[in-house]
Amino acid sequence: MLNAIDALFDGQVFHPEQPVTLKANTRVRIIIENLSSEEKESTSFLDTAESLNLDGYSDWSANIDYYLYGEEKENES
């Protein structure tokens, strides 16, 4: 029988987060999968965007309405 439970390890003992329906002295095999977010490496949005190496107009941010909607550019009069 295969059951998955979440538990907290206090440095010495695993403490299940929900009741475990096992008889006392039952032998089990524990496979550990770390659920802590501290082990995961997070990447910022800017790092991800930079890694895409996208080409675009140098005045994109200043003239976004022009590129999206065809409105007049900021530097044109």
Protein backbone atom coordinates (compact mmCIF):
# COMPACT_ATOMS: atom_id res chain seq x y z
CA MET A 1 0.00 0.00 0.00
CA LEU A 2 1.31 3.44 -0.94
CA ASN A 3 0.34 6.54 1.05
CA ALA A 4 1.75 10.05 0.84
CA ILE A 5 1.77 12.30 3.88
CA ASP A 6 3.26 15.72 4.52
CA ALA A 7 5.46 16.01 7.58
CA LEU A 8 7.69 18.52 9.31
CA PHE A 9 11.22 17.45 10.32
CA ASP A 10 12.38 19.16 13.54
CA GLY A 11 15.99 18.03 13.21
CA GLN A 12 15.42 14.66 14.84
CA VAL A 13 11.85 13.47 14.27
CA PHE A 14 9.30 13.68 11.44
CA HIS A 15 5.93 15.08 12.59
CA PRO A 16 3.02 14.20 10.26
CA GLU A 17 0.73 17.10 9.37
CA GLN A 18 -2.34 14.84 9.36
CA PRO A 19 -3.30 11.66 11.25
CA VAL A 20 -1.55 8.46 10.17
CA THR A 21 -3.62 5.28 10.19
CA LEU A 22 -0.94 2.72 10.99
CA LYS A 23 -0.68 0.22 13.82
CA ALA A 24 2.13 0.76 16.30
CA ASN A 25 5.46 -0.83 15.30
CA THR A 26 4.49 -1.03 11.62
CA ARG A 27 7.58 -0.98 9.38
CA VAL A 28 7.42 1.64 6.63
CA ARG A 29 9.70 3.02 3.93
CA ILE A 30 10.07 6.79 3.89
CA ILE A 31 11.00 8.55 0.65
CA ILE A 32 11.79 12.21 1.20
CA GLU A 33 10.76 14.94 -1.24
CA ASN A 34 11.65 18.42 -0.01
CA LEU A 35 8.60 20.72 -0.18
CA SER A 36 10.34 23.83 1.18
CA SER A 37 10.47 26.83 -1.11
CA GLU A 38 13.89 27.76 0.29
CA GLU A 39 15.45 24.98 -1.77
CA LYS A 40 13.96 26.28 -5.02
CA GLU A 41 15.94 28.81 -6.99
CA SER A 42 13.73 31.70 -8.04
CA THR A 43 14.35 33.79 -11.11
CA SER A 44 13.24 37.40 -11.38
CA PHE A 45 11.06 38.59 -14.24
CA LEU A 46 13.83 40.90 -15.45
CA ASP A 47 16.38 38.06 -15.56
CA THR A 48 13.93 35.96 -17.55
CA ALA A 49 13.11 38.80 -19.96
CA GLU A 50 16.79 39.57 -20.48
CA SER A 51 17.58 35.91 -21.17
CA LEU A 52 15.07 35.87 -24.05
CA ASN A 53 17.30 38.22 -26.08
CA LEU A 54 14.31 39.77 -27.84
CA ASP A 55 14.80 42.28 -30.64
CA GLY A 56 12.63 45.36 -30.70
CA TYR A 57 12.49 49.07 -31.37
CA SER A 58 14.78 51.17 -29.15
CA ASP A 59 11.91 53.61 -28.47
CA TRP A 60 9.38 50.89 -27.61
CA SER A 61 8.61 52.08 -24.08
CA ALA A 62 8.30 55.75 -25.07
CA ASN A 63 6.05 55.01 -28.05
CA ILE A 64 4.13 51.90 -26.99
CA ASP A 65 0.79 53.38 -28.09
CA TYR A 66 2.19 53.87 -31.59
CA TYR A 67 3.38 50.25 -31.84
CA LEU A 68 0.24 48.80 -30.31
CA TYR A 69 -2.49 51.09 -31.67
CA GLY A 70 -0.93 53.17 -34.45
CA GLU A 71 -1.21 56.44 -32.55
CA GLU A 72 1.22 59.29 -33.21
CA LYS A 73 4.76 58.86 -31.82
CA GLU A 74 5.90 60.99 -28.87
CA ASN A 75 8.84 62.55 -30.72
CA GLU A 76 6.79 63.40 -33.84
CA SER A 77 4.73 66.59 -34.08
